[in-house]
Amino acid sequence: MPDEEGNEVEVAGSELRAKKDTPAKAKGKSGSKSSSGRTRTIREPQPPTWNRALKRGLPWGLCAGLGVTVLTNGPIVVGIVYGLAFVPLMYFTDGFVYRRWERRKTGKPTGKKTG
C-alpha cells in the first residue's frame, strides 16, 4: 500500500481491517474500484395518470411554447398548441414505459420478429 510520498509500505492485517470498517464517506473518492462495486436501485415505473402528465408536461410545454413563439416570431396560438401537446405526449410516454416494464417483468416477447 502506498504511503503519503508514494512509496510501497507493508501494512498489517489489523490496519487493513480498520480501514475496511470505516464508512465510505470518510474515505472519499479514492479511486474507481470503490465506486464500481455499487449497485443501482431501479425504480419501477408507475401506471400513467393524467395528473402526473399535467405536472410533468405543463412546465416543459410552457417553456417550449414560449420558445417557439419567441424564436420563430410566430403567433401565440401556435405556441399554446405546441405547449399543450406536451401533456398527452407525457401521458403516452409514461404508458409506453410502463407497458414495456410489465412485458419485461413477465418475460413476454417484445413483438420483434426474428428471421
PDB file of N, CA and C in Angstrom:
ATOM      1  N   MET A   1       0.852  -1.170   0.000  1.00  0.00           N
ATOM      2  CA  MET A   1       0.000   0.000   0.000  1.00  0.00           C
ATOM      3  C   MET A   1       0.900   1.235   0.000  1.00  0.00           C
ATOM      4  N   PRO A   2       0.626   2.233  -0.854  1.00  0.00           N
ATOM      5  CA  PRO A   2       1.494   3.416  -0.909  1.00  0.00           C
ATOM      6  C   PRO A   2       1.251   4.350   0.270  1.00  0.00           C
ATOM      7  N   ASP A   3       2.340   4.989   0.719  1.00  0.00           N
ATOM      8  CA  ASP A   3       2.203   5.976   1.784  1.00  0.00           C
ATOM      9  C   ASP A   3       2.004   7.357   1.170  1.00  0.00           C
ATOM     10  N   GLU A   4       2.155   8.421   1.987  1.00  0.00           N
ATOM     11  CA  GLU A   4       1.913   9.779   1.517  1.00  0.00           C
ATOM     12  C   GLU A   4       2.856  10.175   0.379  1.00  0.00           C
ATOM     13  N   GLU A   5       4.074   9.650   0.374  1.00  0.00           N
ATOM     14  CA  GLU A   5       5.064  10.006  -0.643  1.00  0.00           C
ATOM     15  C   GLU A   5       4.987   9.106  -1.866  1.00  0.00           C
ATOM     16  N   GLY A   6       4.152   8.068  -1.832  1.00  0.00           N
ATOM     17  CA  GLY A   6       4.012   7.171  -2.967  1.00  0.00           C
ATOM     18  C   GLY A   6       4.883   5.926  -2.874  1.00  0.00           C
ATOM     19  N   ASN A   7       5.607   5.730  -1.768  1.00  0.00           N
ATOM     20  CA  ASN A   7       6.438   4.546  -1.595  1.00  0.00           C
ATOM     21  C   ASN A   7       5.592   3.382  -1.113  1.00  0.00           C
ATOM     22  N   GLU A   8       5.909   2.185  -1.596  1.00  0.00           N
ATOM     23  CA  GLU A   8       5.193   0.985  -1.170  1.00  0.00           C
ATOM     24  C   GLU A   8       5.558   0.654   0.273  1.00  0.00           C
ATOM     25  N   VAL A   9       4.551   0.455   1.110  1.00  0.00           N
ATOM     26  CA  VAL A   9       4.746   0.140   2.520  1.00  0.00           C
ATOM     27  C   VAL A   9       3.893  -1.069   2.847  1.00  0.00           C
ATOM     28  N   GLU A  10       4.476  -2.013   3.637  1.00  0.00           N
ATOM     29  CA  GLU A  10       3.711  -3.172   4.046  1.00  0.00           C
ATOM     30  C   GLU A  10       2.780  -2.781   5.179  1.00  0.00           C
ATOM     31  N   VAL A  11       1.536  -3.274   5.099  1.00  0.00           N
ATOM     32  CA  VAL A  11       0.531  -2.910   6.082  1.00  0.00           C
ATOM     33  C   VAL A  11       0.105  -4.163   6.832  1.00  0.00           C
ATOM     34  N   ALA A  12      -0.079  -4.016   8.147  1.00  0.00           N
ATOM     35  CA  ALA A  12      -0.508  -5.145   8.977  1.00  0.00           C
ATOM     36  C   ALA A  12      -1.981  -5.435   8.719  1.00  0.00           C
ATOM     37  N   GLY A  13      -2.395  -6.657   8.970  1.00  0.00           N
ATOM     38  CA  GLY A  13      -3.775  -7.069   8.754  1.00  0.00           C
ATOM     39  C   GLY A  13      -4.768  -6.287   9.593  1.00  0.00           C
ATOM     40  N   SER A  14      -4.364  -5.916  10.812  1.00  0.00           N
ATOM     41  CA  SER A  14      -5.279  -5.171  11.677  1.00  0.00           C
ATOM     42  C   SER A  14      -5.559  -3.778  11.108  1.00  0.00           C
ATOM     43  N   GLU A  15      -4.554  -3.178  10.469  1.00  0.00           N
ATOM     44  CA  GLU A  15      -4.768  -1.862   9.851  1.00  0.00           C
ATOM     45  C   GLU A  15      -5.728  -1.964   8.673  1.00  0.00           C
ATOM     46  N   LEU A  16      -5.601  -3.048   7.902  1.00  0.00           N
ATOM     47  CA  LEU A  16      -6.499  -3.229   6.763  1.00  0.00           C
ATOM     48  C   LEU A  16      -7.938  -3.410   7.223  1.00  0.00           C
ATOM     49  N   ARG A  17      -8.112  -4.199   8.306  1.00  0.00           N
ATOM     50  CA  ARG A  17      -9.459  -4.393   8.826  1.00  0.00           C
ATOM     51  C   ARG A  17     -10.030  -3.081   9.353  1.00  0.00           C
ATOM     52  N   ALA A  18      -9.211  -2.261   9.974  1.00  0.00           N
ATOM     53  CA  ALA A  18      -9.671  -0.978  10.498  1.00  0.00           C
ATOM     54  C   ALA A  18     -10.094  -0.063   9.349  1.00  0.00           C
ATOM     55  N   LYS A  19      -9.335  -0.074   8.261  1.00  0.00           N
ATOM     56  CA  LYS A  19      -9.692   0.749   7.106  1.00  0.00           C
ATOM     57  C   LYS A  19     -10.956   0.237   6.440  1.00  0.00           C
ATOM     58  N   LYS A  20     -11.136  -1.065   6.432  1.00  0.00           N
ATOM     59  CA  LYS A  20     -12.317  -1.656   5.810  1.00  0.00           C
ATOM     60  C   LYS A  20     -13.568  -1.311   6.597  1.00  0.00           C
ATOM     61  N   ASP A  21     -13.458  -1.182   7.906  1.00  0.00           N
ATOM     62  CA  ASP A  21     -14.604  -0.892   8.756  1.00  0.00           C
ATOM     63  C   ASP A  21     -15.013   0.575   8.724  1.00  0.00           C
ATOM     64  N   THR A  22     -14.150   1.480   8.224  1.00  0.00           N
ATOM     65  CA  THR A  22     -14.513   2.899   8.186  1.00  0.00           C
ATOM     66  C   THR A  22     -15.582   3.119   7.133  1.00  0.00           C
ATOM     67  N   PRO A  23     -16.485   4.078   7.350  1.00  0.00           N
ATOM     68  CA  PRO A  23     -17.540   4.340   6.378  1.00  0.00           C
ATOM     69  C   PRO A  23     -16.975   4.863   5.059  1.00  0.00           C
ATOM     70  N   ALA A  24     -17.724   4.660   3.999  1.00  0.00           N
ATOM     71  CA  ALA A  24     -17.280   5.067   2.664  1.00  0.00           C
ATOM     72  C   ALA A  24     -17.162   6.575   2.557  1.00  0.00           C
ATOM     73  N   LYS A  25     -17.991   7.326   3.282  1.00  0.00           N
ATOM     74  CA  LYS A  25     -17.929   8.781   3.210  1.00  0.00           C
ATOM     75  C   LYS A  25     -16.621   9.308   3.771  1.00  0.00           C
ATOM     76  N   ALA A  26     -16.083   8.640   4.782  1.00  0.00           N
ATOM     77  CA  ALA A  26     -14.838   9.086   5.372  1.00  0.00           C
ATOM     78  C   ALA A  26     -13.660   8.853   4.435  1.00  0.00           C
ATOM     79  N   LYS A  27     -13.750   7.833   3.602  1.00  0.00           N
ATOM     80  CA  LYS A  27     -12.673   7.528   2.671  1.00  0.00           C
ATOM     81  C   LYS A  27     -12.590   8.562   1.561  1.00  0.00           C
ATOM     82  N   GLY A  28     -13.734   9.082   1.119  1.00  0.00           N
ATOM     83  CA  GLY A  28     -13.736   9.998  -0.012  1.00  0.00           C
ATOM     84  C   GLY A  28     -13.657   9.219  -1.300  1.00  0.00           C
ATOM     85  N   LYS A  29     -13.433   9.935  -2.377  1.00  0.00           N
ATOM     86  CA  LYS A  29     -13.331   9.285  -3.687  1.00  0.00           C
ATOM     87  C   LYS A  29     -11.863   8.961  -3.952  1.00  0.00           C
ATOM     88  N   SER A  30     -11.452   7.782  -3.539  1.00  0.00           N
ATOM     89  CA  SER A  30     -10.047   7.416  -3.674  1.00  0.00           C
ATOM     90  C   SER A  30      -9.744   6.747  -4.993  1.00  0.00           C
ATOM     91  N   GLY A  31     -10.751   6.223  -5.679  1.00  0.00           N
ATOM     92  CA  GLY A  31     -10.488   5.555  -6.943  1.00  0.00           C
ATOM     93  C   GLY A  31     -11.740   4.970  -7.535  1.00  0.00           C
ATOM     94  N   SER A  32     -11.590   4.453  -8.733  1.00  0.00           N
ATOM     95  CA  SER A  32     -12.756   3.927  -9.424  1.00  0.00           C
ATOM     96  C   SER A  32     -13.142   2.538  -8.915  1.00  0.00           C
ATOM     97  N   LYS A  33     -12.226   1.845  -8.261  1.00  0.00           N
ATOM     98  CA  LYS A  33     -12.537   0.500  -7.781  1.00  0.00           C
ATOM     99  C   LYS A  33     -13.619   0.527  -6.713  1.00  0.00           C
ATOM    100  N   SER A  34     -13.586   1.531  -5.828  1.00  0.00           N
ATOM    101  CA  SER A  34     -14.579   1.566  -4.757  1.00  0.00           C
ATOM    102  C   SER A  34     -15.958   1.926  -5.289  1.00  0.00           C
ATOM    103  N   SER A  35     -16.040   2.733  -6.344  1.00  0.00           N
ATOM    104  CA  SER A  35     -17.347   3.137  -6.856  1.00  0.00           C
ATOM    105  C   SER A  35     -17.932   2.106  -7.807  1.00  0.00           C
ATOM    106  N   SER A  36     -17.111   1.241  -8.400  1.00  0.00           N
ATOM    107  CA  SER A  36     -17.647   0.274  -9.346  1.00  0.00           C
ATOM    108  C   SER A  36     -18.353  -0.884  -8.654  1.00  0.00           C
ATOM    109  N   GLY A  37     -18.170  -1.040  -7.355  1.00  0.00           N
ATOM    110  CA  GLY A  37     -18.803  -2.125  -6.632  1.00  0.00           C
ATOM    111  C   GLY A  37     -20.235  -1.813  -6.221  1.00  0.00           C
ATOM    112  N   ARG A  38     -20.687  -0.585  -6.443  1.00  0.00           N
ATOM    113  CA  ARG A  38     -22.031  -0.206  -6.035  1.00  0.00           C
ATOM    114  C   ARG A  38     -23.065  -0.797  -6.980  1.00  0.00           C
ATOM    115  N   THR A  39     -24.251  -0.964  -6.463  1.00  0.00           N
ATOM    116  CA  THR A  39     -25.348  -1.433  -7.302  1.00  0.00           C
ATOM    117  C   THR A  39     -26.376  -0.328  -7.411  1.00  0.00           C
ATOM    118  N   ARG A  40     -26.987  -0.223  -8.577  1.00  0.00           N
ATOM    119  CA  ARG A  40     -28.016   0.783  -8.801  1.00  0.00           C
ATOM    120  C   ARG A  40     -29.367   0.233  -8.396  1.00  0.00           C
ATOM    121  N   THR A  41     -30.166   1.066  -7.778  1.00  0.00           N
ATOM    122  CA  THR A  41     -31.532   0.670  -7.488  1.00  0.00           C
ATOM    123  C   THR A  41     -32.410   1.196  -8.620  1.00  0.00           C
ATOM    124  N   ILE A  42     -33.170   0.320  -9.199  1.00  0.00           N
ATOM    125  CA  ILE A  42     -34.011   0.682 -10.327  1.00  0.00           C
ATOM    126  C   ILE A  42     -35.432   0.870  -9.810  1.00  0.00           C
ATOM    127  N   ARG A  43     -35.989   2.039 -10.095  1.00  0.00           N
ATOM    128  CA  ARG A  43     -37.355   2.313  -9.663  1.00  0.00           C
ATOM    129  C   ARG A  43     -38.327   1.748 -10.680  1.00  0.00           C
ATOM    130  N   GLU A  44     -39.337   1.100 -10.177  1.00  0.00           N
ATOM    131  CA  GLU A  44     -40.360   0.541 -11.051  1.00  0.00           C
ATOM    132  C   GLU A  44     -41.280   1.667 -11.514  1.00  0.00           C
ATOM    133  N   PRO A  45     -41.521   1.784 -12.820  1.00  0.00           N
ATOM    134  CA  PRO A  45     -42.399   2.855 -13.297  1.00  0.00           C
ATOM    135  C   PRO A  45     -43.839   2.633 -12.863  1.00  0.00           C
ATOM    136  N   GLN A  46     -44.513   3.717 -12.575  1.00  0.00           N
ATOM    137  CA  GLN A  46     -45.903   3.674 -12.146  1.00  0.00           C
ATOM    138  C   GLN A  46     -46.822   3.723 -13.365  1.00  0.00           C
ATOM    139  N   PRO A  47     -48.056   3.220 -13.250  1.00  0.00           N
ATOM    140  CA  PRO A  47     -49.004   3.333 -14.365  1.00  0.00           C
ATOM    141  C   PRO A  47     -49.241   4.810 -14.701  1.00  0.00           C
ATOM    142  N   PRO A  48     -49.487   5.121 -15.960  1.00  0.00           N
ATOM    143  CA  PRO A  48     -49.643   6.526 -16.341  1.00  0.00           C
ATOM    144  C   PRO A  48     -50.926   7.130 -15.784  1.00  0.00           C
ATOM    145  N   THR A  49     -50.839   8.379 -15.356  1.00  0.00           N
ATOM    146  CA  THR A  49     -52.012   9.131 -14.910  1.00  0.00           C
ATOM    147  C   THR A  49     -51.970  10.510 -15.556  1.00  0.00           C
ATOM    148  N   TRP A  50     -53.164  11.068 -15.804  1.00  0.00           N
ATOM    149  CA  TRP A  50     -53.229  12.396 -16.407  1.00  0.00           C
ATOM    150  C   TRP A  50     -52.727  13.459 -15.441  1.00  0.00           C
ATOM    151  N   ASN A  51     -52.907  13.248 -14.146  1.00  0.00           N
ATOM    152  CA  ASN A  51     -52.429  14.209 -13.161  1.00  0.00           C
ATOM    153  C   ASN A  51     -50.904  14.334 -13.216  1.00  0.00           C
ATOM    154  N   ARG A  52     -50.212  13.198 -13.259  1.00  0.00           N
ATOM    155  CA  ARG A  52     -48.756  13.213 -13.346  1.00  0.00           C
ATOM    156  C   ARG A  52     -48.292  13.787 -14.686  1.00  0.00           C
ATOM    157  N   ALA A  53     -49.026  13.477 -15.756  1.00  0.00           N
ATOM    158  CA  ALA A  53     -48.684  14.017 -17.068  1.00  0.00           C
ATOM    159  C   ALA A  53     -48.812  15.539 -17.073  1.00  0.00           C
ATOM    160  N   LEU A  54     -49.845  16.068 -16.400  1.00  0.00           N
ATOM    161  CA  LEU A  54     -50.000  17.525 -16.290  1.00  0.00           C
ATOM    162  C   LEU A  54     -48.847  18.149 -15.519  1.00  0.00           C
ATOM    163  N   LYS A  55     -48.485  17.517 -14.397  1.00  0.00           N
ATOM    164  CA  LYS A  55     -47.401  18.058 -13.571  1.00  0.00           C
ATOM    165  C   LYS A  55     -46.067  18.055 -14.306  1.00  0.00           C
ATOM    166  N   ARG A  56     -45.823  17.067 -15.143  1.00  0.00           N
ATOM    167  CA  ARG A  56     -44.568  16.987 -15.886  1.00  0.00           C
ATOM    168  C   ARG A  56     -44.611  17.764 -17.193  1.00  0.00           C
ATOM    169  N   GLY A  57     -45.709  17.610 -17.916  1.00  0.00           N
ATOM    170  CA  GLY A  57     -45.765  18.150 -19.262  1.00  0.00           C
ATOM    171  C   GLY A  57     -46.022  19.635 -19.341  1.00  0.00           C
ATOM    172  N   LEU A  58     -46.783  20.179 -18.398  1.00  0.00           N
ATOM    173  CA  LEU A  58     -47.135  21.588 -18.461  1.00  0.00           C
ATOM    174  C   LEU A  58     -45.920  22.516 -18.352  1.00  0.00           C
ATOM    175  N   PRO A  59     -45.019  22.319 -17.394  1.00  0.00           N
ATOM    176  CA  PRO A  59     -43.843  23.201 -17.356  1.00  0.00           C
ATOM    177  C   PRO A  59     -42.986  23.101 -18.623  1.00  0.00           C
ATOM    178  N   TRP A  60     -42.760  21.882 -19.097  1.00  0.00           N
ATOM    179  CA  TRP A  60     -41.983  21.711 -20.321  1.00  0.00           C
ATOM    180  C   TRP A  60     -42.709  22.315 -21.509  1.00  0.00           C
ATOM    181  N   GLY A  61     -44.018  22.114 -21.548  1.00  0.00           N
ATOM    182  CA  GLY A  61     -44.804  22.650 -22.644  1.00  0.00           C
ATOM    183  C   GLY A  61     -44.819  24.168 -22.658  1.00  0.00           C
ATOM    184  N   LEU A  62     -44.923  24.776 -21.480  1.00  0.00           N
ATOM    185  CA  LEU A  62     -44.904  26.236 -21.413  1.00  0.00           C
ATOM    186  C   LEU A  62     -43.571  26.792 -21.904  1.00  0.00           C
ATOM    187  N   CYS A  63     -42.486  26.175 -21.476  1.00  0.00           N
ATOM    188  CA  CYS A  63     -41.163  26.620 -21.934  1.00  0.00           C
ATOM    189  C   CYS A  63     -41.014  26.424 -23.442  1.00  0.00           C
ATOM    190  N   ALA A  64     -41.427  25.274 -23.937  1.00  0.00           N
ATOM    191  CA  ALA A  64     -41.304  25.009 -25.374  1.00  0.00           C
ATOM    192  C   ALA A  64     -42.211  25.923 -26.177  1.00  0.00           C
ATOM    193  N   GLY A  65     -43.442  26.130 -25.711  1.00  0.00           N
ATOM    194  CA  GLY A  65     -44.358  27.027 -26.413  1.00  0.00           C
ATOM    195  C   GLY A  65     -43.850  28.452 -26.442  1.00  0.00           C
ATOM    196  N   LEU A  66     -43.326  28.910 -25.323  1.00  0.00           N
ATOM    197  CA  LEU A  66     -42.749  30.246 -25.266  1.00  0.00           C
ATOM    198  C   LEU A  66     -41.542  30.351 -26.184  1.00  0.00           C
ATOM    199  N   GLY A  67     -40.712  29.310 -26.169  1.00  0.00           N
ATOM    200  CA  GLY A  67     -39.538  29.304 -27.040  1.00  0.00           C
ATOM    201  C   GLY A  67     -39.905  29.333 -28.513  1.00  0.00           C
ATOM    202  N   VAL A  68     -40.905  28.546 -28.894  1.00  0.00           N
ATOM    203  CA  VAL A  68     -41.343  28.522 -30.294  1.00  0.00           C
ATOM    204  C   VAL A  68     -41.907  29.874 -30.695  1.00  0.00           C
ATOM    205  N   THR A  69     -42.697  30.467 -29.809  1.00  0.00           N
ATOM    206  CA  THR A  69     -43.307  31.758 -30.118  1.00  0.00           C
ATOM    207  C   THR A  69     -42.250  32.855 -30.261  1.00  0.00           C
ATOM    208  N   VAL A  70     -41.300  32.883 -29.347  1.00  0.00           N
ATOM    209  CA  VAL A  70     -40.289  33.939 -29.363  1.00  0.00           C
ATOM    210  C   VAL A  70     -39.275  33.723 -30.486  1.00  0.00           C
ATOM    211  N   LEU A  71     -38.778  32.502 -30.625  1.00  0.00           N
ATOM    212  CA  LEU A  71     -37.720  32.259 -31.603  1.00  0.00           C
ATOM    213  C   LEU A  71     -38.205  32.325 -33.047  1.00  0.00           C
ATOM    214  N   THR A  72     -39.421  31.888 -33.292  1.00  0.00           N
ATOM    215  CA  THR A  72     -39.916  31.917 -34.675  1.00  0.00           C
ATOM    216  C   THR A  72     -40.722  33.170 -34.968  1.00  0.00           C
ATOM    217  N   ASN A  73     -40.929  34.003 -33.941  1.00  0.00           N
ATOM    218  CA  ASN A  73     -41.712  35.229 -34.097  1.00  0.00           C
ATOM    219  C   ASN A  73     -43.091  34.909 -34.664  1.00  0.00           C
ATOM    220  N   GLY A  74     -43.650  33.785 -34.201  1.00  0.00           N
ATOM    221  CA  GLY A  74     -44.935  33.320 -34.693  1.00  0.00           C
ATOM    222  C   GLY A  74     -46.068  33.756 -33.795  1.00  0.00           C
ATOM    223  N   PRO A  75     -47.272  33.389 -34.174  1.00  0.00           N
ATOM    224  CA  PRO A  75     -48.438  33.771 -33.345  1.00  0.00           C
ATOM    225  C   PRO A  75     -48.456  32.991 -32.028  1.00  0.00           C
ATOM    226  N   ILE A  76     -49.088  33.584 -31.048  1.00  0.00           N
ATOM    227  CA  ILE A  76     -49.142  32.990 -29.706  1.00  0.00           C
ATOM    228  C   ILE A  76     -49.935  31.689 -29.728  1.00  0.00           C
ATOM    229  N   VAL A  77     -50.924  31.592 -30.599  1.00  0.00           N
ATOM    230  CA  VAL A  77     -51.770  30.391 -30.667  1.00  0.00           C
ATOM    231  C   VAL A  77     -50.922  29.162 -31.004  1.00  0.00           C
ATOM    232  N   VAL A  78     -49.965  29.318 -31.907  1.00  0.00           N
ATOM    233  CA  VAL A  78     -49.086  28.193 -32.268  1.00  0.00           C
ATOM    234  C   VAL A  78     -48.279  27.751 -31.050  1.00  0.00           C
ATOM    235  N   GLY A  79     -47.783  28.699 -30.278  1.00  0.00           N
ATOM    236  CA  GLY A  79     -47.030  28.370 -29.065  1.00  0.00           C
ATOM    237  C   GLY A  79     -47.878  27.664 -28.038  1.00  0.00           C
ATOM    238  N   ILE A  80     -49.137  28.093 -27.894  1.00  0.00           N
ATOM    239  CA  ILE A  80     -50.041  27.459 -26.928  1.00  0.00           C
ATOM    240  C   ILE A  80     -50.355  26.022 -27.342  1.00  0.00           C
ATOM    241  N   VAL A  81     -50.663  25.840 -28.624  1.00  0.00           N
ATOM    242  CA  VAL A  81     -50.966  24.486 -29.115  1.00  0.00           C
ATOM    243  C   VAL A  81     -49.747  23.586 -28.950  1.00  0.00           C
ATOM    244  N   TYR A  82     -48.585  24.108 -29.301  1.00  0.00           N
ATOM    245  CA  TYR A  82     -47.349  23.326 -29.171  1.00  0.00           C
ATOM    246  C   TYR A  82     -47.096  22.980 -27.708  1.00  0.00           C
ATOM    247  N   GLY A  83     -47.319  23.943 -26.811  1.00  0.00           N
ATOM    248  CA  GLY A  83     -47.108  23.712 -25.382  1.00  0.00           C
ATOM    249  C   GLY A  83     -48.074  22.705 -24.800  1.00  0.00           C
ATOM    250  N   LEU A  84     -49.347  22.780 -25.214  1.00  0.00           N
ATOM    251  CA  LEU A  84     -50.344  21.841 -24.692  1.00  0.00           C
ATOM    252  C   LEU A  84     -50.137  20.425 -25.224  1.00  0.00           C
ATOM    253  N   ALA A  85     -49.445  20.288 -26.326  1.00  0.00           N
ATOM    254  CA  ALA A  85     -49.181  18.959 -26.882  1.00  0.00           C
ATOM    255  C   ALA A  85     -48.266  18.131 -25.980  1.00  0.00           C
ATOM    256  N   PHE A  86     -47.545  18.782 -25.090  1.00  0.00           N
ATOM    257  CA  PHE A  86     -46.628  18.053 -24.215  1.00  0.00           C
ATOM    258  C   PHE A  86     -47.361  17.198 -23.182  1.00  0.00           C
ATOM    259  N   VAL A  87     -48.552  17.593 -22.773  1.00  0.00           N
ATOM    260  CA  VAL A  87     -49.279  16.848 -21.735  1.00  0.00           C
ATOM    261  C   VAL A  87     -49.661  15.453 -22.230  1.00  0.00           C
ATOM    262  N   PRO A  88     -50.360  15.307 -23.374  1.00  0.00           N
ATOM    263  CA  PRO A  88     -50.639  13.945 -23.836  1.00  0.00           C
ATOM    264  C   PRO A  88     -49.379  13.192 -24.234  1.00  0.00           C
ATOM    265  N   LEU A  89     -48.372  13.923 -24.700  1.00  0.00           N
ATOM    266  CA  LEU A  89     -47.103  13.272 -25.037  1.00  0.00           C
ATOM    267  C   LEU A  89     -46.493  12.618 -23.802  1.00  0.00           C
ATOM    268  N   MET A  90     -46.536  13.310 -22.676  1.00  0.00           N
ATOM    269  CA  MET A  90     -46.021  12.742 -21.422  1.00  0.00           C
ATOM    270  C   MET A  90     -46.858  11.531 -20.987  1.00  0.00           C
ATOM    271  N   TYR A  91     -48.174  11.620 -21.139  1.00  0.00           N
ATOM    272  CA  TYR A  91     -49.051  10.517 -20.745  1.00  0.00           C
ATOM    273  C   TYR A  91     -48.735   9.264 -21.568  1.00  0.00           C
ATOM    274  N   PHE A  92     -48.632   9.428 -22.881  1.00  0.00           N
ATOM    275  CA  PHE A  92     -48.368   8.268 -23.740  1.00  0.00           C
ATOM    276  C   PHE A  92     -46.948   7.732 -23.551  1.00  0.00           C
ATOM    277  N   THR A  93     -46.009   8.614 -23.254  1.00  0.00           N
ATOM    278  CA  THR A  93     -44.648   8.157 -22.973  1.00  0.00           C
ATOM    279  C   THR A  93     -44.613   7.342 -21.684  1.00  0.00           C
ATOM    280  N   ASP A  94     -45.301   7.818 -20.640  1.00  0.00           N
ATOM    281  CA  ASP A  94     -45.370   7.062 -19.390  1.00  0.00           C
ATOM    282  C   ASP A  94     -46.032   5.706 -19.606  1.00  0.00           C
ATOM    283  N   GLY A  95     -47.088   5.670 -20.425  1.00  0.00           N
ATOM    284  CA  GLY A  95     -47.762   4.411 -20.726  1.00  0.00           C
ATOM    285  C   GLY A  95     -46.859   3.443 -21.464  1.00  0.00           C
ATOM    286  N   PHE A  96     -46.088   3.971 -22.414  1.00  0.00           N
ATOM    287  CA  PHE A  96     -45.154   3.129 -23.159  1.00  0.00           C
ATOM    288  C   PHE A  96     -44.110   2.525 -22.229  1.00  0.00           C
ATOM    289  N   VAL A  97     -43.540   3.359 -21.359  1.00  0.00           N
ATOM    290  CA  VAL A  97     -42.508   2.875 -20.432  1.00  0.00           C
ATOM    291  C   VAL A  97     -43.094   1.843 -19.477  1.00  0.00           C
ATOM    292  N   TYR A  98     -44.295   2.105 -18.980  1.00  0.00           N
ATOM    293  CA  TYR A  98     -44.918   1.175 -18.036  1.00  0.00           C
ATOM    294  C   TYR A  98     -45.231  -0.164 -18.699  1.00  0.00           C
ATOM    295  N   ARG A  99     -45.804  -0.145 -19.915  1.00  0.00           N
ATOM    296  CA  ARG A  99     -46.121  -1.403 -20.610  1.00  0.00           C
ATOM    297  C   ARG A  99     -44.852  -2.183 -20.933  1.00  0.00           C
ATOM    298  N   ARG A 100     -43.808  -1.491 -21.308  1.00  0.00           N
ATOM    299  CA  ARG A 100     -42.548  -2.175 -21.611  1.00  0.00           C
ATOM    300  C   ARG A 100     -41.971  -2.814 -20.348  1.00  0.00           C
ATOM    301  N   TRP A 101     -42.053  -2.103 -19.235  1.00  0.00           N
ATOM    302  CA  TRP A 101     -41.577  -2.642 -17.961  1.00  0.00           C
ATOM    303  C   TRP A 101     -42.353  -3.900 -17.587  1.00  0.00           C
ATOM    304  N   GLU A 102     -43.673  -3.870 -17.744  1.00  0.00           N
ATOM    305  CA  GLU A 102     -44.508  -5.025 -17.415  1.00  0.00           C
ATOM    306  C   GLU A 102     -44.171  -6.215 -18.316  1.00  0.00           C
ATOM    307  N   ARG A 103     -43.961  -5.956 -19.604  1.00  0.00           N
ATOM    308  CA  ARG A 103     -43.607  -7.048 -20.523  1.00  0.00           C
ATOM    309  C   ARG A 103     -42.276  -7.672 -20.133  1.00  0.00           C
ATOM    310  N   ARG A 104     -41.333  -6.830 -19.778  1.00  0.00           N
ATOM    311  CA  ARG A 104     -40.023  -7.347 -19.390  1.00  0.00           C
ATOM    312  C   ARG A 104     -40.106  -8.152 -18.106  1.00  0.00           C
ATOM    313  N   LYS A 105     -40.915  -7.676 -17.167  1.00  0.00           N
ATOM    314  CA  LYS A 105     -41.052  -8.349 -15.876  1.00  0.00           C
ATOM    315  C   LYS A 105     -41.685  -9.723 -16.034  1.00  0.00           C
ATOM    316  N   THR A 106     -42.677  -9.848 -16.913  1.00  0.00           N
ATOM    317  CA  THR A 106     -43.343 -11.128 -17.098  1.00  0.00           C
ATOM    318  C   THR A 106     -42.584 -12.041 -18.056  1.00  0.00           C
ATOM    319  N   GLY A 107     -41.646 -11.484 -18.797  1.00  0.00           N
ATOM    320  CA  GLY A 107     -40.843 -12.303 -19.702  1.00  0.00           C
ATOM    321  C   GLY A 107     -41.493 -12.555 -21.045  1.00  0.00           C
ATOM    322  N   LYS A 108     -42.520 -11.806 -21.384  1.00  0.00           N
ATOM    323  CA  LYS A 108     -43.169 -11.963 -22.677  1.00  0.00           C
ATOM    324  C   LYS A 108     -42.298 -11.339 -23.764  1.00  0.00           C
ATOM    325  N   PRO A 109     -42.379 -11.848 -24.987  1.00  0.00           N
ATOM    326  CA  PRO A 109     -41.583 -11.275 -26.067  1.00  0.00           C
ATOM    327  C   PRO A 109     -42.048  -9.863 -26.388  1.00  0.00           C
ATOM    328  N   THR A 110     -41.133  -9.058 -26.942  1.00  0.00           N
ATOM    329  CA  THR A 110     -41.427  -7.651 -27.207  1.00  0.00           C
ATOM    330  C   THR A 110     -42.140  -7.443 -28.528  1.00  0.00           C
ATOM    331  N   GLY A 111     -42.343  -8.480 -29.310  1.00  0.00           N
ATOM    332  CA  GLY A 111     -43.050  -8.343 -30.567  1.00  0.00           C
ATOM    333  C   GLY A 111     -42.142  -8.286 -31.773  1.00  0.00           C
ATOM    334  N   LYS A 112     -40.842  -8.285 -31.546  1.00  0.00           N
ATOM    335  CA  LYS A 112     -39.899  -8.250 -32.663  1.00  0.00           C
ATOM    336  C   LYS A 112     -39.821  -9.627 -33.282  1.00  0.00           C
ATOM    337  N   LYS A 113     -39.854  -9.659 -34.605  1.00  0.00           N
ATOM    338  CA  LYS A 113     -39.761 -10.934 -35.311  1.00  0.00           C
ATOM    339  C   LYS A 113     -38.325 -11.174 -35.748  1.00  0.00           C
ATOM    340  N   THR A 114     -37.859 -12.370 -35.553  1.00  0.00           N
ATOM    341  CA  THR A 114     -36.519 -12.737 -35.986  1.00  0.00           C
ATOM    342  C   THR A 114     -36.628 -13.566 -37.247  1.00  0.00           C
ATOM    343  N   GLY A 115     -35.702 -13.370 -38.132  1.00  0.00           N
ATOM    344  CA  GLY A 115     -35.713 -14.247 -39.290  1.00  0.00           C
ATOM    345  C   GLY A 115     -35.780 -13.503 -40.499  1.00  0.00           C
TER     346      GLY A 115
END
